[in-house]
Amino acid sequence: MSLRLLVDYSEAQDWPSVSRLTASYLEEYLFYLQQRPRWFGMRDANKGPVSASSAETHYRRLKTFFRFLVERGHAEKNP
């Protein structure tokens, strides 16, 4: 789910390819996640934003994904 949300957001924002992403792109995305309603499928104004622990979980998963990309040679560095 973390990667799917990142892909959806990056496509909507017209980001460059994954190998050209920088930390600022991911910071923007993590900030965006913290503003979204907790239940992604239900755009109910009464739902609060995702919790700090959920944002941290997304961050850890993305960190692992980018580390994998570097190890496999798909990116030069982990943003």
N, C-alpha and C. Protein backbone atom coordinates (compact mmCIF):
# COMPACT_ATOMS: atom_id res chain seq x y z
N MET A 1 0.82 -1.19 0.00
CA MET A 1 0.00 0.00 0.00
C MET A 1 0.87 1.26 0.00
N SER A 2 1.97 1.24 0.73
CA SER A 2 2.84 2.41 0.79
C SER A 2 3.36 2.79 -0.59
N LEU A 3 3.79 1.80 -1.34
CA LEU A 3 4.32 2.08 -2.68
C LEU A 3 3.22 2.53 -3.63
N ARG A 4 2.04 1.92 -3.53
CA ARG A 4 0.93 2.32 -4.40
C ARG A 4 0.56 3.78 -4.16
N LEU A 5 0.50 4.18 -2.91
CA LEU A 5 0.18 5.58 -2.59
C LEU A 5 1.26 6.52 -3.12
N LEU A 6 2.52 6.10 -2.99
CA LEU A 6 3.61 6.92 -3.51
C LEU A 6 3.52 7.05 -5.02
N VAL A 7 3.26 5.97 -5.70
CA VAL A 7 3.14 6.00 -7.17
C VAL A 7 1.98 6.90 -7.59
N ASP A 8 0.84 6.73 -6.96
CA ASP A 8 -0.32 7.58 -7.30
C ASP A 8 0.00 9.06 -7.10
N TYR A 9 0.61 9.37 -5.97
CA TYR A 9 0.95 10.77 -5.69
C TYR A 9 1.98 11.29 -6.68
N SER A 10 3.02 10.50 -6.94
CA SER A 10 4.09 10.97 -7.83
C SER A 10 3.58 11.17 -9.25
N GLU A 11 2.68 10.33 -9.70
CA GLU A 11 2.10 10.51 -11.04
C GLU A 11 1.23 11.76 -11.09
N ALA A 12 0.45 12.00 -10.05
CA ALA A 12 -0.40 13.20 -10.00
C ALA A 12 0.43 14.48 -9.97
N GLN A 13 1.63 14.40 -9.37
CA GLN A 13 2.50 15.57 -9.25
C GLN A 13 3.50 15.66 -10.40
N ASP A 14 3.47 14.68 -11.31
CA ASP A 14 4.37 14.64 -12.47
C ASP A 14 5.84 14.66 -12.05
N TRP A 15 6.17 13.81 -11.10
CA TRP A 15 7.54 13.70 -10.63
C TRP A 15 8.43 13.04 -11.69
N PRO A 16 9.74 13.22 -11.57
CA PRO A 16 10.66 12.52 -12.48
C PRO A 16 10.72 11.03 -12.14
N SER A 17 11.49 10.29 -12.90
CA SER A 17 11.63 8.85 -12.66
C SER A 17 12.21 8.61 -11.26
N VAL A 18 12.00 7.41 -10.77
CA VAL A 18 12.41 7.05 -9.41
C VAL A 18 13.90 7.26 -9.19
N SER A 19 14.71 7.06 -10.19
CA SER A 19 16.16 7.21 -10.03
C SER A 19 16.57 8.68 -9.86
N ARG A 20 15.68 9.61 -10.17
CA ARG A 20 16.01 11.04 -10.07
C ARG A 20 15.32 11.73 -8.89
N LEU A 21 14.67 10.97 -8.05
CA LEU A 21 14.00 11.57 -6.89
C LEU A 21 15.03 12.02 -5.86
N THR A 22 14.70 13.10 -5.18
CA THR A 22 15.55 13.62 -4.11
C THR A 22 14.78 13.57 -2.80
N ALA A 23 15.47 13.87 -1.73
CA ALA A 23 14.83 13.87 -0.41
C ALA A 23 13.67 14.86 -0.35
N SER A 24 13.77 15.96 -1.06
CA SER A 24 12.70 16.96 -0.99
C SER A 24 11.39 16.43 -1.57
N TYR A 25 11.46 15.59 -2.59
CA TYR A 25 10.24 14.97 -3.11
C TYR A 25 9.59 14.09 -2.04
N LEU A 26 10.39 13.30 -1.37
CA LEU A 26 9.85 12.39 -0.36
C LEU A 26 9.36 13.14 0.87
N GLU A 27 10.02 14.23 1.22
CA GLU A 27 9.53 15.06 2.32
C GLU A 27 8.17 15.65 1.98
N GLU A 28 8.03 16.11 0.75
CA GLU A 28 6.74 16.63 0.29
C GLU A 28 5.66 15.56 0.39
N TYR A 29 5.98 14.35 -0.03
CA TYR A 29 5.03 13.25 0.01
C TYR A 29 4.65 12.90 1.45
N LEU A 30 5.63 12.82 2.34
CA LEU A 30 5.34 12.49 3.73
C LEU A 30 4.49 13.58 4.39
N PHE A 31 4.73 14.83 4.05
CA PHE A 31 3.89 15.91 4.56
C PHE A 31 2.46 15.74 4.04
N TYR A 32 2.34 15.41 2.77
CA TYR A 32 1.03 15.16 2.16
C TYR A 32 0.30 14.04 2.90
N LEU A 33 1.01 12.96 3.20
CA LEU A 33 0.40 11.84 3.92
C LEU A 33 -0.17 12.27 5.26
N GLN A 34 0.53 13.15 5.94
CA GLN A 34 0.09 13.60 7.26
C GLN A 34 -1.16 14.47 7.19
N GLN A 35 -1.49 14.97 6.00
CA GLN A 35 -2.66 15.83 5.83
C GLN A 35 -3.88 15.07 5.34
N ARG A 36 -3.66 13.87 4.81
CA ARG A 36 -4.76 13.07 4.25
C ARG A 36 -5.66 12.54 5.35
N PRO A 37 -6.93 12.29 5.01
CA PRO A 37 -7.80 11.61 5.98
C PRO A 37 -7.26 10.23 6.31
N ARG A 38 -7.50 9.79 7.50
CA ARG A 38 -7.00 8.50 7.98
C ARG A 38 -7.47 7.36 7.10
N TRP A 39 -8.71 7.32 6.71
CA TRP A 39 -9.24 6.24 5.87
C TRP A 39 -9.20 6.69 4.43
N PHE A 40 -8.24 6.20 3.69
CA PHE A 40 -7.99 6.67 2.33
C PHE A 40 -9.18 6.45 1.40
N GLY A 41 -9.95 5.40 1.60
CA GLY A 41 -11.07 5.12 0.72
C GLY A 41 -12.30 5.95 1.02
N MET A 42 -12.34 6.56 2.21
CA MET A 42 -13.51 7.31 2.63
C MET A 42 -13.11 8.76 2.89
N ARG A 43 -13.49 9.64 2.05
CA ARG A 43 -13.13 11.06 2.18
C ARG A 43 -14.08 11.78 3.13
N ASP A 44 -14.20 11.30 4.33
CA ASP A 44 -15.09 11.85 5.33
C ASP A 44 -14.36 12.95 6.10
N ALA A 45 -14.93 14.13 6.12
CA ALA A 45 -14.30 15.26 6.80
C ALA A 45 -14.15 15.03 8.29
N ASN A 46 -14.92 14.10 8.86
CA ASN A 46 -14.84 13.82 10.28
C ASN A 46 -13.67 12.93 10.65
N LYS A 47 -13.02 12.35 9.68
CA LYS A 47 -11.87 11.50 9.95
C LYS A 47 -10.64 12.38 10.10
N GLY A 48 -9.85 12.12 11.11
CA GLY A 48 -8.64 12.90 11.32
C GLY A 48 -7.53 12.45 10.38
N PRO A 49 -6.42 13.15 10.40
CA PRO A 49 -5.29 12.77 9.55
C PRO A 49 -4.66 11.48 10.05
N VAL A 50 -3.80 10.90 9.22
CA VAL A 50 -3.12 9.67 9.63
C VAL A 50 -2.28 9.97 10.87
N SER A 51 -2.07 8.96 11.67
CA SER A 51 -1.29 9.13 12.89
C SER A 51 0.19 9.28 12.57
N ALA A 52 0.92 9.76 13.54
CA ALA A 52 2.37 9.89 13.37
C ALA A 52 3.00 8.51 13.17
N SER A 53 2.47 7.50 13.83
CA SER A 53 3.04 6.16 13.67
C SER A 53 2.77 5.61 12.27
N SER A 54 1.62 5.94 11.68
CA SER A 54 1.34 5.52 10.30
C SER A 54 2.30 6.20 9.33
N ALA A 55 2.52 7.49 9.52
CA ALA A 55 3.47 8.21 8.66
C ALA A 55 4.87 7.61 8.81
N GLU A 56 5.25 7.26 10.03
CA GLU A 56 6.55 6.65 10.27
C GLU A 56 6.66 5.28 9.59
N THR A 57 5.58 4.52 9.61
CA THR A 57 5.56 3.22 8.93
C THR A 57 5.76 3.39 7.43
N HIS A 58 5.07 4.35 6.84
CA HIS A 58 5.26 4.63 5.41
C HIS A 58 6.71 5.02 5.14
N TYR A 59 7.26 5.87 5.99
CA TYR A 59 8.64 6.30 5.82
C TYR A 59 9.60 5.10 5.85
N ARG A 60 9.44 4.22 6.81
CA ARG A 60 10.33 3.04 6.92
C ARG A 60 10.20 2.15 5.70
N ARG A 61 9.01 1.94 5.22
CA ARG A 61 8.81 1.10 4.04
C ARG A 61 9.45 1.72 2.81
N LEU A 62 9.30 3.02 2.65
CA LEU A 62 9.91 3.68 1.50
C LEU A 62 11.44 3.68 1.61
N LYS A 63 11.94 3.85 2.80
CA LYS A 63 13.38 3.80 3.04
C LYS A 63 13.94 2.44 2.62
N THR A 64 13.24 1.38 2.99
CA THR A 64 13.65 0.03 2.61
C THR A 64 13.57 -0.15 1.10
N PHE A 65 12.51 0.35 0.48
CA PHE A 65 12.34 0.24 -0.97
C PHE A 65 13.48 0.94 -1.71
N PHE A 66 13.82 2.15 -1.31
CA PHE A 66 14.88 2.88 -1.99
C PHE A 66 16.25 2.24 -1.73
N ARG A 67 16.45 1.67 -0.58
CA ARG A 67 17.68 0.94 -0.31
C ARG A 67 17.79 -0.25 -1.28
N PHE A 68 16.69 -0.94 -1.48
CA PHE A 68 16.63 -2.05 -2.42
C PHE A 68 16.98 -1.58 -3.83
N LEU A 69 16.42 -0.45 -4.26
CA LEU A 69 16.71 0.07 -5.60
C LEU A 69 18.19 0.37 -5.78
N VAL A 70 18.83 0.91 -4.76
CA VAL A 70 20.26 1.19 -4.82
C VAL A 70 21.05 -0.11 -4.91
N GLU A 71 20.70 -1.07 -4.08
CA GLU A 71 21.40 -2.36 -4.09
C GLU A 71 21.29 -3.06 -5.43
N ARG A 72 20.18 -2.90 -6.12
CA ARG A 72 19.95 -3.55 -7.41
C ARG A 72 20.43 -2.71 -8.59
N GLY A 73 20.92 -1.50 -8.33
CA GLY A 73 21.45 -0.66 -9.39
C GLY A 73 20.41 0.15 -10.15
N HIS A 74 19.19 0.27 -9.61
CA HIS A 74 18.15 1.04 -10.26
C HIS A 74 18.20 2.52 -9.89
N ALA A 75 18.94 2.83 -8.86
CA ALA A 75 19.14 4.21 -8.42
C ALA A 75 20.57 4.33 -7.88
N GLU A 76 21.14 5.51 -8.03
CA GLU A 76 22.53 5.70 -7.57
C GLU A 76 22.61 5.92 -6.07
N LYS A 77 21.58 6.57 -5.50
CA LYS A 77 21.61 6.83 -4.06
C LYS A 77 20.20 6.79 -3.50
N ASN A 78 20.13 6.60 -2.21
CA ASN A 78 18.87 6.56 -1.50
C ASN A 78 18.52 7.98 -1.06
N PRO A 79 17.43 8.52 -1.62
CA PRO A 79 17.09 9.91 -1.25
C PRO A 79 16.69 10.04 0.18
